[in-house]
Amino acid sequence: MFKRDEAEVALGRWTPADARAALAQWAASGLTKTAFAEQQGYTTERLRRWERRLAEGNGGDEVELRLVPLVARETAAPSEGASAKLQLPGGVVLELDTAHVDPRWVAALILDVARGA
């Protein structure tokens, strides 16, 4: 029915593409939303929520990410209070204490901000 990776299936999460496909199947079925949801094993609320989300334009499938040039210079180890600033699209500026921030957390935060989560 839908192409999803195993983790998404295990969590029962839909992508916007999954939701569009389910809503198209519902429309083609001729069933009420409630009957279709029960038949497929979803909740009616899930269909309503995705229908609303997609209608509002909040169901984008992809976020465009670009690599930007970075110049690394050899410096001394970060000292207490050292910081880095990251400027994201839309004017968002993050100032981070480099001695206490996990780079993986920063990467996840940037992806979430870019997706509008």
PDB file of N, CA and C in Angstrom:
ATOM      1  N   MET A   1       0.829  -1.196   0.000  1.00  0.00           N
ATOM      2  CA  MET A   1       0.000   0.000   0.000  1.00  0.00           C
ATOM      3  C   MET A   1       0.869   1.254   0.000  1.00  0.00           C
ATOM      4  N   PHE A   2       1.582   1.549   1.090  1.00  0.00           N
ATOM      5  CA  PHE A   2       2.437   2.718   1.173  1.00  0.00           C
ATOM      6  C   PHE A   2       3.874   2.256   1.304  1.00  0.00           C
ATOM      7  N   LYS A   3       4.799   2.997   0.711  1.00  0.00           N
ATOM      8  CA  LYS A   3       6.211   2.686   0.878  1.00  0.00           C
ATOM      9  C   LYS A   3       6.752   3.477   2.057  1.00  0.00           C
ATOM     10  N   ARG A   4       7.133   2.777   3.109  1.00  0.00           N
ATOM     11  CA  ARG A   4       7.700   3.422   4.288  1.00  0.00           C
ATOM     12  C   ARG A   4       8.817   2.535   4.809  1.00  0.00           C
ATOM     13  N   ASP A   5       9.791   3.127   5.496  1.00  0.00           N
ATOM     14  CA  ASP A   5      10.828   2.292   6.081  1.00  0.00           C
ATOM     15  C   ASP A   5      10.290   1.608   7.326  1.00  0.00           C
ATOM     16  N   GLU A   6      11.019   0.620   7.809  1.00  0.00           N
ATOM     17  CA  GLU A   6      10.526  -0.197   8.917  1.00  0.00           C
ATOM     18  C   GLU A   6      10.283   0.609  10.184  1.00  0.00           C
ATOM     19  N   ALA A   7      11.133   1.590  10.469  1.00  0.00           N
ATOM     20  CA  ALA A   7      10.962   2.404  11.682  1.00  0.00           C
ATOM     21  C   ALA A   7       9.660   3.190  11.623  1.00  0.00           C
ATOM     22  N   GLU A   8       9.343   3.752  10.452  1.00  0.00           N
ATOM     23  CA  GLU A   8       8.102   4.510  10.312  1.00  0.00           C
ATOM     24  C   GLU A   8       6.892   3.595  10.482  1.00  0.00           C
ATOM     25  N   VAL A   9       6.982   2.408   9.919  1.00  0.00           N
ATOM     26  CA  VAL A   9       5.878   1.461  10.029  1.00  0.00           C
ATOM     27  C   VAL A   9       5.693   1.068  11.490  1.00  0.00           C
ATOM     28  N   ALA A  10       6.803   0.789  12.191  1.00  0.00           N
ATOM     29  CA  ALA A  10       6.718   0.384  13.596  1.00  0.00           C
ATOM     30  C   ALA A  10       6.084   1.476  14.447  1.00  0.00           C
ATOM     31  N   LEU A  11       6.376   2.742  14.126  1.00  0.00           N
ATOM     32  CA  LEU A  11       5.813   3.849  14.889  1.00  0.00           C
ATOM     33  C   LEU A  11       4.424   4.233  14.410  1.00  0.00           C
ATOM     34  N   GLY A  12       4.008   3.718  13.250  1.00  0.00           N
ATOM     35  CA  GLY A  12       2.693   4.032  12.730  1.00  0.00           C
ATOM     36  C   GLY A  12       2.588   5.455  12.202  1.00  0.00           C
ATOM     37  N   ARG A  13       3.707   6.062  11.891  1.00  0.00           N
ATOM     38  CA  ARG A  13       3.693   7.443  11.404  1.00  0.00           C
ATOM     39  C   ARG A  13       3.473   7.482   9.908  1.00  0.00           C
ATOM     40  N   TRP A  14       2.771   8.517   9.478  1.00  0.00           N
ATOM     41  CA  TRP A  14       2.565   8.749   8.056  1.00  0.00           C
ATOM     42  C   TRP A  14       3.436   9.891   7.605  1.00  0.00           C
ATOM     43  N   THR A  15       3.894   9.790   6.385  1.00  0.00           N
ATOM     44  CA  THR A  15       4.506  10.929   5.713  1.00  0.00           C
ATOM     45  C   THR A  15       3.371  11.672   5.004  1.00  0.00           C
ATOM     46  N   PRO A  16       3.616  12.893   4.554  1.00  0.00           N
ATOM     47  CA  PRO A  16       2.577  13.567   3.763  1.00  0.00           C
ATOM     48  C   PRO A  16       2.151  12.749   2.543  1.00  0.00           C
ATOM     49  N   ALA A  17       3.100  12.043   1.929  1.00  0.00           N
ATOM     50  CA  ALA A  17       2.753  11.208   0.771  1.00  0.00           C
ATOM     51  C   ALA A  17       1.825  10.065   1.191  1.00  0.00           C
ATOM     52  N   ASP A  18       2.083   9.469   2.356  1.00  0.00           N
ATOM     53  CA  ASP A  18       1.200   8.423   2.867  1.00  0.00           C
ATOM     54  C   ASP A  18      -0.211   8.971   3.069  1.00  0.00           C
ATOM     55  N   ALA A  19      -0.287  10.150   3.669  1.00  0.00           N
ATOM     56  CA  ALA A  19      -1.592  10.757   3.948  1.00  0.00           C
ATOM     57  C   ALA A  19      -2.337  11.066   2.661  1.00  0.00           C
ATOM     58  N   ARG A  20      -1.631  11.617   1.674  1.00  0.00           N
ATOM     59  CA  ARG A  20      -2.287  11.917   0.393  1.00  0.00           C
ATOM     60  C   ARG A  20      -2.840  10.644  -0.238  1.00  0.00           C
ATOM     61  N   ALA A  21      -2.043   9.569  -0.185  1.00  0.00           N
ATOM     62  CA  ALA A  21      -2.481   8.303  -0.773  1.00  0.00           C
ATOM     63  C   ALA A  21      -3.707   7.760  -0.031  1.00  0.00           C
ATOM     64  N   ALA A  22      -3.688   7.801   1.289  1.00  0.00           N
ATOM     65  CA  ALA A  22      -4.828   7.314   2.073  1.00  0.00           C
ATOM     66  C   ALA A  22      -6.073   8.140   1.791  1.00  0.00           C
ATOM     67  N   LEU A  23      -5.920   9.459   1.710  1.00  0.00           N
ATOM     68  CA  LEU A  23      -7.072  10.320   1.431  1.00  0.00           C
ATOM     69  C   LEU A  23      -7.611  10.086   0.020  1.00  0.00           C
ATOM     70  N   ALA A  24      -6.722   9.821  -0.922  1.00  0.00           N
ATOM     71  CA  ALA A  24      -7.164   9.524  -2.290  1.00  0.00           C
ATOM     72  C   ALA A  24      -7.913   8.189  -2.324  1.00  0.00           C
ATOM     73  N   GLN A  25      -7.406   7.207  -1.583  1.00  0.00           N
ATOM     74  CA  GLN A  25      -8.091   5.911  -1.520  1.00  0.00           C
ATOM     75  C   GLN A  25      -9.463   6.063  -0.878  1.00  0.00           C
ATOM     76  N   TRP A  26      -9.538   6.867   0.176  1.00  0.00           N
ATOM     77  CA  TRP A  26     -10.833   7.099   0.827  1.00  0.00           C
ATOM     78  C   TRP A  26     -11.807   7.735  -0.163  1.00  0.00           C
ATOM     79  N   ALA A  27     -11.352   8.778  -0.878  1.00  0.00           N
ATOM     80  CA  ALA A  27     -12.228   9.476  -1.830  1.00  0.00           C
ATOM     81  C   ALA A  27     -12.728   8.516  -2.914  1.00  0.00           C
ATOM     82  N   ALA A  28     -11.841   7.625  -3.359  1.00  0.00           N
ATOM     83  CA  ALA A  28     -12.220   6.685  -4.422  1.00  0.00           C
ATOM     84  C   ALA A  28     -13.089   5.543  -3.898  1.00  0.00           C
ATOM     85  N   SER A  29     -13.072   5.311  -2.596  1.00  0.00           N
ATOM     86  CA  SER A  29     -13.792   4.161  -2.031  1.00  0.00           C
ATOM     87  C   SER A  29     -15.304   4.334  -2.010  1.00  0.00           C
ATOM     88  N   GLY A  30     -15.761   5.587  -1.931  1.00  0.00           N
ATOM     89  CA  GLY A  30     -17.193   5.836  -1.814  1.00  0.00           C
ATOM     90  C   GLY A  30     -17.729   5.613  -0.408  1.00  0.00           C
ATOM     91  N   LEU A  31     -16.842   5.257   0.514  1.00  0.00           N
ATOM     92  CA  LEU A  31     -17.251   5.032   1.904  1.00  0.00           C
ATOM     93  C   LEU A  31     -17.237   6.341   2.681  1.00  0.00           C
ATOM     94  N   THR A  32     -17.925   6.333   3.801  1.00  0.00           N
ATOM     95  CA  THR A  32     -17.791   7.479   4.699  1.00  0.00           C
ATOM     96  C   THR A  32     -16.382   7.445   5.267  1.00  0.00           C
ATOM     97  N   LYS A  33     -15.936   8.576   5.777  1.00  0.00           N
ATOM     98  CA  LYS A  33     -14.597   8.645   6.362  1.00  0.00           C
ATOM     99  C   LYS A  33     -14.463   7.642   7.513  1.00  0.00           C
ATOM    100  N   THR A  34     -15.512   7.557   8.326  1.00  0.00           N
ATOM    101  CA  THR A  34     -15.495   6.639   9.473  1.00  0.00           C
ATOM    102  C   THR A  34     -15.412   5.180   9.014  1.00  0.00           C
ATOM    103  N   ALA A  35     -16.219   4.810   8.038  1.00  0.00           N
ATOM    104  CA  ALA A  35     -16.227   3.423   7.538  1.00  0.00           C
ATOM    105  C   ALA A  35     -14.882   3.069   6.907  1.00  0.00           C
ATOM    106  N   PHE A  36     -14.329   3.993   6.120  1.00  0.00           N
ATOM    107  CA  PHE A  36     -13.038   3.746   5.485  1.00  0.00           C
ATOM    108  C   PHE A  36     -11.937   3.592   6.534  1.00  0.00           C
ATOM    109  N   ALA A  37     -11.941   4.480   7.517  1.00  0.00           N
ATOM    110  CA  ALA A  37     -10.917   4.425   8.557  1.00  0.00           C
ATOM    111  C   ALA A  37     -10.985   3.098   9.303  1.00  0.00           C
ATOM    112  N   GLU A  38     -12.181   2.683   9.663  1.00  0.00           N
ATOM    113  CA  GLU A  38     -12.343   1.401  10.367  1.00  0.00           C
ATOM    114  C   GLU A  38     -11.867   0.237   9.506  1.00  0.00           C
ATOM    115  N   GLN A  39     -12.218   0.272   8.229  1.00  0.00           N
ATOM    116  CA  GLN A  39     -11.822  -0.795   7.305  1.00  0.00           C
ATOM    117  C   GLN A  39     -10.296  -0.899   7.199  1.00  0.00           C
ATOM    118  N   GLN A  40      -9.631   0.252   7.212  1.00  0.00           N
ATOM    119  CA  GLN A  40      -8.178   0.282   7.038  1.00  0.00           C
ATOM    120  C   GLN A  40      -7.407   0.171   8.361  1.00  0.00           C
ATOM    121  N   GLY A  41      -8.119   0.296   9.468  1.00  0.00           N
ATOM    122  CA  GLY A  41      -7.453   0.207  10.764  1.00  0.00           C
ATOM    123  C   GLY A  41      -6.877   1.522  11.252  1.00  0.00           C
ATOM    124  N   TYR A  42      -7.354   2.647  10.723  1.00  0.00           N
ATOM    125  CA  TYR A  42      -6.936   3.973  11.184  1.00  0.00           C
ATOM    126  C   TYR A  42      -8.044   4.546  12.051  1.00  0.00           C
ATOM    127  N   THR A  43      -7.730   5.656  12.681  1.00  0.00           N
ATOM    128  CA  THR A  43      -8.795   6.400  13.356  1.00  0.00           C
ATOM    129  C   THR A  43      -9.324   7.445  12.376  1.00  0.00           C
ATOM    130  N   THR A  44     -10.586   7.785  12.551  1.00  0.00           N
ATOM    131  CA  THR A  44     -11.178   8.838  11.723  1.00  0.00           C
ATOM    132  C   THR A  44     -10.436  10.149  11.962  1.00  0.00           C
ATOM    133  N   GLU A  45     -10.027  10.364  13.192  1.00  0.00           N
ATOM    134  CA  GLU A  45      -9.313  11.604  13.534  1.00  0.00           C
ATOM    135  C   GLU A  45      -8.008  11.727  12.762  1.00  0.00           C
ATOM    136  N   ARG A  46      -7.322  10.612  12.543  1.00  0.00           N
ATOM    137  CA  ARG A  46      -6.074  10.657  11.768  1.00  0.00           C
ATOM    138  C   ARG A  46      -6.347  11.184  10.369  1.00  0.00           C
ATOM    139  N   LEU A  47      -7.391  10.692   9.728  1.00  0.00           N
ATOM    140  CA  LEU A  47      -7.735  11.183   8.387  1.00  0.00           C
ATOM    141  C   LEU A  47      -8.113  12.657   8.420  1.00  0.00           C
ATOM    142  N   ARG A  48      -8.914  13.052   9.399  1.00  0.00           N
ATOM    143  CA  ARG A  48      -9.316  14.467   9.503  1.00  0.00           C
ATOM    144  C   ARG A  48      -8.104  15.368   9.714  1.00  0.00           C
ATOM    145  N   ARG A  49      -7.234  14.945  10.628  1.00  0.00           N
ATOM    146  CA  ARG A  49      -6.060  15.762  10.942  1.00  0.00           C
ATOM    147  C   ARG A  49      -5.178  15.950   9.713  1.00  0.00           C
ATOM    148  N   TRP A  50      -4.922  14.857   8.970  1.00  0.00           N
ATOM    149  CA  TRP A  50      -4.094  14.972   7.776  1.00  0.00           C
ATOM    150  C   TRP A  50      -4.793  15.757   6.661  1.00  0.00           C
ATOM    151  N   GLU A  51      -6.084  15.584   6.551  1.00  0.00           N
ATOM    152  CA  GLU A  51      -6.837  16.343   5.546  1.00  0.00           C
ATOM    153  C   GLU A  51      -6.691  17.841   5.818  1.00  0.00           C
ATOM    154  N   ARG A  52      -6.840  18.200   7.077  1.00  0.00           N
ATOM    155  CA  ARG A  52      -6.701  19.609   7.480  1.00  0.00           C
ATOM    156  C   ARG A  52      -5.260  20.090   7.283  1.00  0.00           C
ATOM    157  N   ARG A  53      -4.306  19.290   7.710  1.00  0.00           N
ATOM    158  CA  ARG A  53      -2.895  19.670   7.598  1.00  0.00           C
ATOM    159  C   ARG A  53      -2.493  19.908   6.138  1.00  0.00           C
ATOM    160  N   LEU A  54      -2.896  19.012   5.268  1.00  0.00           N
ATOM    161  CA  LEU A  54      -2.556  19.158   3.850  1.00  0.00           C
ATOM    162  C   LEU A  54      -3.280  20.351   3.221  1.00  0.00           C
ATOM    163  N   ALA A  55      -4.524  20.587   3.617  1.00  0.00           N
ATOM    164  CA  ALA A  55      -5.278  21.728   3.090  1.00  0.00           C
ATOM    165  C   ALA A  55      -4.643  23.050   3.509  1.00  0.00           C
ATOM    166  N   GLU A  56      -4.043  23.070   4.697  1.00  0.00           N
ATOM    167  CA  GLU A  56      -3.394  24.282   5.203  1.00  0.00           C
ATOM    168  C   GLU A  56      -1.985  24.458   4.652  1.00  0.00           C
ATOM    169  N   GLY A  57      -1.525  23.483   3.865  1.00  0.00           N
ATOM    170  CA  GLY A  57      -0.182  23.586   3.295  1.00  0.00           C
ATOM    171  C   GLY A  57       0.911  23.171   4.261  1.00  0.00           C
ATOM    172  N   ASN A  58       0.574  22.406   5.299  1.00  0.00           N
ATOM    173  CA  ASN A  58       1.571  21.983   6.283  1.00  0.00           C
ATOM    174  C   ASN A  58       2.013  20.559   6.065  1.00  0.00           C
ATOM    175  N   GLY A  59       1.950  20.096   4.847  1.00  0.00           N
ATOM    176  CA  GLY A  59       2.318  18.709   4.592  1.00  0.00           C
ATOM    177  C   GLY A  59       3.432  18.574   3.591  1.00  0.00           C
ATOM    178  N   GLY A  60       4.390  19.499   3.609  1.00  0.00           N
ATOM    179  CA  GLY A  60       5.493  19.422   2.656  1.00  0.00           C
ATOM    180  C   GLY A  60       6.291  18.150   2.821  1.00  0.00           C
ATOM    181  N   ASP A  61       6.656  17.518   1.728  1.00  0.00           N
ATOM    182  CA  ASP A  61       7.411  16.272   1.783  1.00  0.00           C
ATOM    183  C   ASP A  61       8.890  16.495   2.015  1.00  0.00           C
ATOM    184  N   GLU A  62       9.405  17.570   1.502  1.00  0.00           N
ATOM    185  CA  GLU A  62      10.845  17.742   1.546  1.00  0.00           C
ATOM    186  C   GLU A  62      11.205  19.144   1.997  1.00  0.00           C
ATOM    187  N   VAL A  63      12.372  19.225   2.573  1.00  0.00           N
ATOM    188  CA  VAL A  63      12.950  20.502   2.955  1.00  0.00           C
ATOM    189  C   VAL A  63      14.255  20.618   2.186  1.00  0.00           C
ATOM    190  N   GLU A  64      14.441  21.725   1.518  1.00  0.00           N
ATOM    191  CA  GLU A  64      15.668  21.912   0.764  1.00  0.00           C
ATOM    192  C   GLU A  64      16.788  22.309   1.717  1.00  0.00           C
ATOM    193  N   LEU A  65      17.812  21.495   1.736  1.00  0.00           N
ATOM    194  CA  LEU A  65      18.994  21.797   2.531  1.00  0.00           C
ATOM    195  C   LEU A  65      20.156  21.988   1.576  1.00  0.00           C
ATOM    196  N   ARG A  66      20.959  22.978   1.861  1.00  0.00           N
ATOM    197  CA  ARG A  66      22.119  23.246   1.016  1.00  0.00           C
ATOM    198  C   ARG A  66      23.377  23.230   1.866  1.00  0.00           C
ATOM    199  N   LEU A  67      24.465  22.793   1.270  1.00  0.00           N
ATOM    200  CA  LEU A  67      25.749  22.898   1.928  1.00  0.00           C
ATOM    201  C   LEU A  67      26.287  24.300   1.688  1.00  0.00           C
ATOM    202  N   VAL A  68      26.892  24.859   2.687  1.00  0.00           N
ATOM    203  CA  VAL A  68      27.493  26.178   2.549  1.00  0.00           C
ATOM    204  C   VAL A  68      28.967  26.069   2.867  1.00  0.00           C
ATOM    205  N   PRO A  69      29.785  26.928   2.275  1.00  0.00           N
ATOM    206  CA  PRO A  69      31.221  26.853   2.530  1.00  0.00           C
ATOM    207  C   PRO A  69      31.525  27.111   4.004  1.00  0.00           C
ATOM    208  N   LEU A  70      32.487  26.388   4.497  1.00  0.00           N
ATOM    209  CA  LEU A  70      32.929  26.562   5.870  1.00  0.00           C
ATOM    210  C   LEU A  70      34.441  26.554   5.867  1.00  0.00           C
ATOM    211  N   VAL A  71      35.018  27.535   6.509  1.00  0.00           N
ATOM    212  CA  VAL A  71      36.468  27.597   6.625  1.00  0.00           C
ATOM    213  C   VAL A  71      36.812  27.268   8.070  1.00  0.00           C
ATOM    214  N   ALA A  72      37.575  26.208   8.261  1.00  0.00           N
ATOM    215  CA  ALA A  72      37.991  25.824   9.608  1.00  0.00           C
ATOM    216  C   ALA A  72      39.420  26.297   9.828  1.00  0.00           C
ATOM    217  N   ARG A  73      39.624  26.929  10.946  1.00  0.00           N
ATOM    218  CA  ARG A  73      40.957  27.403  11.303  1.00  0.00           C
ATOM    219  C   ARG A  73      41.381  26.722  12.584  1.00  0.00           C
ATOM    220  N   GLU A  74      42.636  26.397  12.664  1.00  0.00           N
ATOM    221  CA  GLU A  74      43.139  25.772  13.874  1.00  0.00           C
ATOM    222  C   GLU A  74      43.160  26.805  14.995  1.00  0.00           C
ATOM    223  N   THR A  75      42.548  26.446  16.099  1.00  0.00           N
ATOM    224  CA  THR A  75      42.506  27.346  17.246  1.00  0.00           C
ATOM    225  C   THR A  75      42.760  26.544  18.505  1.00  0.00           C
ATOM    226  N   ALA A  76      42.884  27.245  19.572  1.00  0.00           N
ATOM    227  CA  ALA A  76      43.041  26.581  20.856  1.00  0.00           C
ATOM    228  C   ALA A  76      41.728  25.896  21.217  1.00  0.00           C
ATOM    229  N   ALA A  77      41.777  24.971  22.156  1.00  0.00           N
ATOM    230  CA  ALA A  77      40.565  24.294  22.620  1.00  0.00           C
ATOM    231  C   ALA A  77      39.572  25.339  23.109  1.00  0.00           C
ATOM    232  N   PRO A  78      38.288  25.074  22.915  1.00  0.00           N
ATOM    233  CA  PRO A  78      37.285  26.044  23.360  1.00  0.00           C
ATOM    234  C   PRO A  78      37.403  26.296  24.859  1.00  0.00           C
ATOM    235  N   SER A  79      37.303  27.527  25.206  1.00  0.00           N
ATOM    236  CA  SER A  79      37.363  27.870  26.621  1.00  0.00           C
ATOM    237  C   SER A  79      35.950  28.055  27.150  1.00  0.00           C
ATOM    238  N   GLU A  80      35.828  28.097  28.454  1.00  0.00           N
ATOM    239  CA  GLU A  80      34.517  28.326  29.073  1.00  0.00           C
ATOM    240  C   GLU A  80      33.941  29.618  28.511  1.00  0.00           C
ATOM    241  N   GLY A  81      32.717  29.579  28.069  1.00  0.00           N
ATOM    242  CA  GLY A  81      32.065  30.771  27.545  1.00  0.00           C
ATOM    243  C   GLY A  81      32.285  30.987  26.056  1.00  0.00           C
ATOM    244  N   ALA A  82      33.077  30.105  25.398  1.00  0.00           N
ATOM    245  CA  ALA A  82      33.264  30.251  23.950  1.00  0.00           C
ATOM    246  C   ALA A  82      31.937  29.967  23.262  1.00  0.00           C
ATOM    247  N   SER A  83      31.669  30.658  22.166  1.00  0.00           N
ATOM    248  CA  SER A  83      30.395  30.457  21.493  1.00  0.00           C
ATOM    249  C   SER A  83      30.566  30.466  19.984  1.00  0.00           C
ATOM    250  N   ALA A  84      29.552  29.958  19.338  1.00  0.00           N
ATOM    251  CA  ALA A  84      29.484  29.974  17.874  1.00  0.00           C
ATOM    252  C   ALA A  84      28.101  30.470  17.503  1.00  0.00           C
ATOM    253  N   LYS A  85      28.023  31.217  16.414  1.00  0.00           N
ATOM    254  CA  LYS A  85      26.735  31.696  15.924  1.00  0.00           C
ATOM    255  C   LYS A  85      26.434  31.024  14.593  1.00  0.00           C
ATOM    256  N   LEU A  86      25.198  30.567  14.463  1.00  0.00           N
ATOM    257  CA  LEU A  86      24.719  29.979  13.224  1.00  0.00           C
ATOM    258  C   LEU A  86      23.542  30.807  12.750  1.00  0.00           C
ATOM    259  N   GLN A  87      23.617  31.279  11.521  1.00  0.00           N
ATOM    260  CA  GLN A  87      22.496  32.029  10.965  1.00  0.00           C
ATOM    261  C   GLN A  87      21.758  31.118  10.010  1.00  0.00           C
ATOM    262  N   LEU A  88      20.471  30.895  10.305  1.00  0.00           N
ATOM    263  CA  LEU A  88      19.621  30.019   9.511  1.00  0.00           C
ATOM    264  C   LEU A  88      18.723  30.845   8.606  1.00  0.00           C
ATOM    265  N   PRO A  89      18.152  30.213   7.593  1.00  0.00           N
ATOM    266  CA  PRO A  89      17.213  30.934   6.731  1.00  0.00           C
ATOM    267  C   PRO A  89      16.078  31.531   7.558  1.00  0.00           C
ATOM    268  N   GLY A  90      15.559  32.627   7.102  1.00  0.00           N
ATOM    269  CA  GLY A  90      14.471  33.282   7.809  1.00  0.00           C
ATOM    270  C   GLY A  90      14.950  34.193   8.923  1.00  0.00           C
ATOM    271  N   GLY A  91      16.260  34.424   8.988  1.00  0.00           N
ATOM    272  CA  GLY A  91      16.794  35.346   9.980  1.00  0.00           C
ATOM    273  C   GLY A  91      17.004  34.769  11.363  1.00  0.00           C
ATOM    274  N   VAL A  92      16.827  33.452  11.523  1.00  0.00           N
ATOM    275  CA  VAL A  92      17.047  32.836  12.825  1.00  0.00           C
ATOM    276  C   VAL A  92      18.544  32.744  13.093  1.00  0.00           C
ATOM    277  N   VAL A  93      18.963  33.233  14.254  1.00  0.00           N
ATOM    278  CA  VAL A  93      20.376  33.162  14.641  1.00  0.00           C
ATOM    279  C   VAL A  93      20.479  32.370  15.934  1.00  0.00           C
ATOM    280  N   LEU A  94      21.311  31.329  15.914  1.00  0.00           N
ATOM    281  CA  LEU A  94      21.556  30.527  17.104  1.00  0.00           C
ATOM    282  C   LEU A  94      22.941  30.867  17.633  1.00  0.00           C
ATOM    283  N   GLU A  95      23.030  31.171  18.909  1.00  0.00           N
ATOM    284  CA  GLU A  95      24.323  31.363  19.544  1.00  0.00           C
ATOM    285  C   GLU A  95      24.496  30.234  20.538  1.00  0.00           C
ATOM    286  N   LEU A  96      25.554  29.451  20.359  1.00  0.00           N
ATOM    287  CA  LEU A  96      25.738  28.238  21.124  1.00  0.00           C
ATOM    288  C   LEU A  96      27.027  28.282  21.933  1.00  0.00           C
ATOM    289  N   ASP A  97      26.966  27.747  23.137  1.00  0.00           N
ATOM    290  CA  ASP A  97      28.147  27.578  23.984  1.00  0.00           C
ATOM    291  C   ASP A  97      28.845  26.323  23.473  1.00  0.00           C
ATOM    292  N   THR A  98      29.947  26.474  22.764  1.00  0.00           N
ATOM    293  CA  THR A  98      30.599  25.348  22.098  1.00  0.00           C
ATOM    294  C   THR A  98      31.199  24.331  23.055  1.00  0.00           C
ATOM    295  N   ALA A  99      31.434  24.715  24.265  1.00  0.00           N
ATOM    296  CA  ALA A  99      32.004  23.771  25.223  1.00  0.00           C
ATOM    297  C   ALA A  99      30.950  22.817  25.780  1.00  0.00           C
ATOM    298  N   HIS A 100      29.675  23.136  25.626  1.00  0.00           N
ATOM    299  CA  HIS A 100      28.626  22.336  26.256  1.00  0.00           C
ATOM    300  C   HIS A 100      27.528  21.859  25.319  1.00  0.00           C
ATOM    301  N   VAL A 101      27.717  21.947  24.027  1.00  0.00           N
ATOM    302  CA  VAL A 101      26.661  21.564  23.087  1.00  0.00           C
ATOM    303  C   VAL A 101      27.147  20.406  22.222  1.00  0.00           C
ATOM    304  N   ASP A 102      26.339  19.359  22.155  1.00  0.00           N
ATOM    305  CA  ASP A 102      26.629  18.193  21.326  1.00  0.00           C
ATOM    306  C   ASP A 102      26.338  18.545  19.862  1.00  0.00           C
ATOM    307  N   PRO A 103      27.307  18.370  18.965  1.00  0.00           N
ATOM    308  CA  PRO A 103      27.091  18.704  17.547  1.00  0.00           C
ATOM    309  C   PRO A 103      25.915  17.945  16.927  1.00  0.00           C
ATOM    310  N   ARG A 104      25.640  16.733  17.400  1.00  0.00           N
ATOM    311  CA  ARG A 104      24.494  15.977  16.860  1.00  0.00           C
ATOM    312  C   ARG A 104      23.178  16.657  17.220  1.00  0.00           C
ATOM    313  N   TRP A 105      23.118  17.243  18.421  1.00  0.00           N
ATOM    314  CA  TRP A 105      21.921  17.972  18.826  1.00  0.00           C
ATOM    315  C   TRP A 105      21.724  19.191  17.926  1.00  0.00           C
ATOM    316  N   VAL A 106      22.825  19.884  17.632  1.00  0.00           N
ATOM    317  CA  VAL A 106      22.748  21.064  16.764  1.00  0.00           C
ATOM    318  C   VAL A 106      22.237  20.659  15.382  1.00  0.00           C
ATOM    319  N   ALA A 107      22.758  19.557  14.858  1.00  0.00           N
ATOM    320  CA  ALA A 107      22.312  19.094  13.537  1.00  0.00           C
ATOM    321  C   ALA A 107      20.826  18.766  13.544  1.00  0.00           C
ATOM    322  N   ALA A 108      20.356  18.071  14.580  1.00  0.00           N
ATOM    323  CA  ALA A 108      18.926  17.740  14.678  1.00  0.00           C
ATOM    324  C   ALA A 108      18.079  18.999  14.811  1.00  0.00           C
ATOM    325  N   LEU A 109      18.556  19.970  15.581  1.00  0.00           N
ATOM    326  CA  LEU A 109      17.832  21.226  15.752  1.00  0.00           C
ATOM    327  C   LEU A 109      17.713  21.969  14.421  1.00  0.00           C
ATOM    328  N   ILE A 110      18.794  22.039  13.679  1.00  0.00           N
ATOM    329  CA  ILE A 110      18.777  22.731  12.389  1.00  0.00           C
ATOM    330  C   ILE A 110      17.788  22.076  11.437  1.00  0.00           C
ATOM    331  N   LEU A 111      17.765  20.739  11.401  1.00  0.00           N
ATOM    332  CA  LEU A 111      16.808  20.026  10.535  1.00  0.00           C
ATOM    333  C   LEU A 111      15.376  20.322  10.967  1.00  0.00           C
ATOM    334  N   ASP A 112      15.107  20.306  12.263  1.00  0.00           N
ATOM    335  CA  ASP A 112      13.758  20.597  12.740  1.00  0.00           C
ATOM    336  C   ASP A 112      13.330  22.018  12.396  1.00  0.00           C
ATOM    337  N   VAL A 113      14.238  22.967  12.553  1.00  0.00           N
ATOM    338  CA  VAL A 113      13.913  24.371  12.232  1.00  0.00           C
ATOM    339  C   VAL A 113      13.646  24.490  10.735  1.00  0.00           C
ATOM    340  N   ALA A 114      14.476  23.841   9.925  1.00  0.00           N
ATOM    341  CA  ALA A 114      14.308  23.901   8.462  1.00  0.00           C
ATOM    342  C   ALA A 114      12.987  23.278   8.028  1.00  0.00           C
ATOM    343  N   ARG A 115      12.540  22.247   8.727  1.00  0.00           N
ATOM    344  CA  ARG A 115      11.273  21.598   8.404  1.00  0.00           C
ATOM    345  C   ARG A 115      10.081  22.353   8.952  1.00  0.00           C
ATOM    346  N   GLY A 116      10.315  23.289   9.864  1.00  0.00           N
ATOM    347  CA  GLY A 116       9.225  24.029  10.469  1.00  0.00           C
ATOM    348  C   GLY A 116       8.545  23.251  11.581  1.00  0.00           C
ATOM    349  N   ALA A 117       9.256  22.305  12.162  1.00  0.00           N
ATOM    350  CA  ALA A 117       8.664  21.481  13.232  1.00  0.00           C
ATOM    351  C   ALA A 117       8.528  22.239  14.524  1.00  0.00           C
TER     352      ALA A 117
END
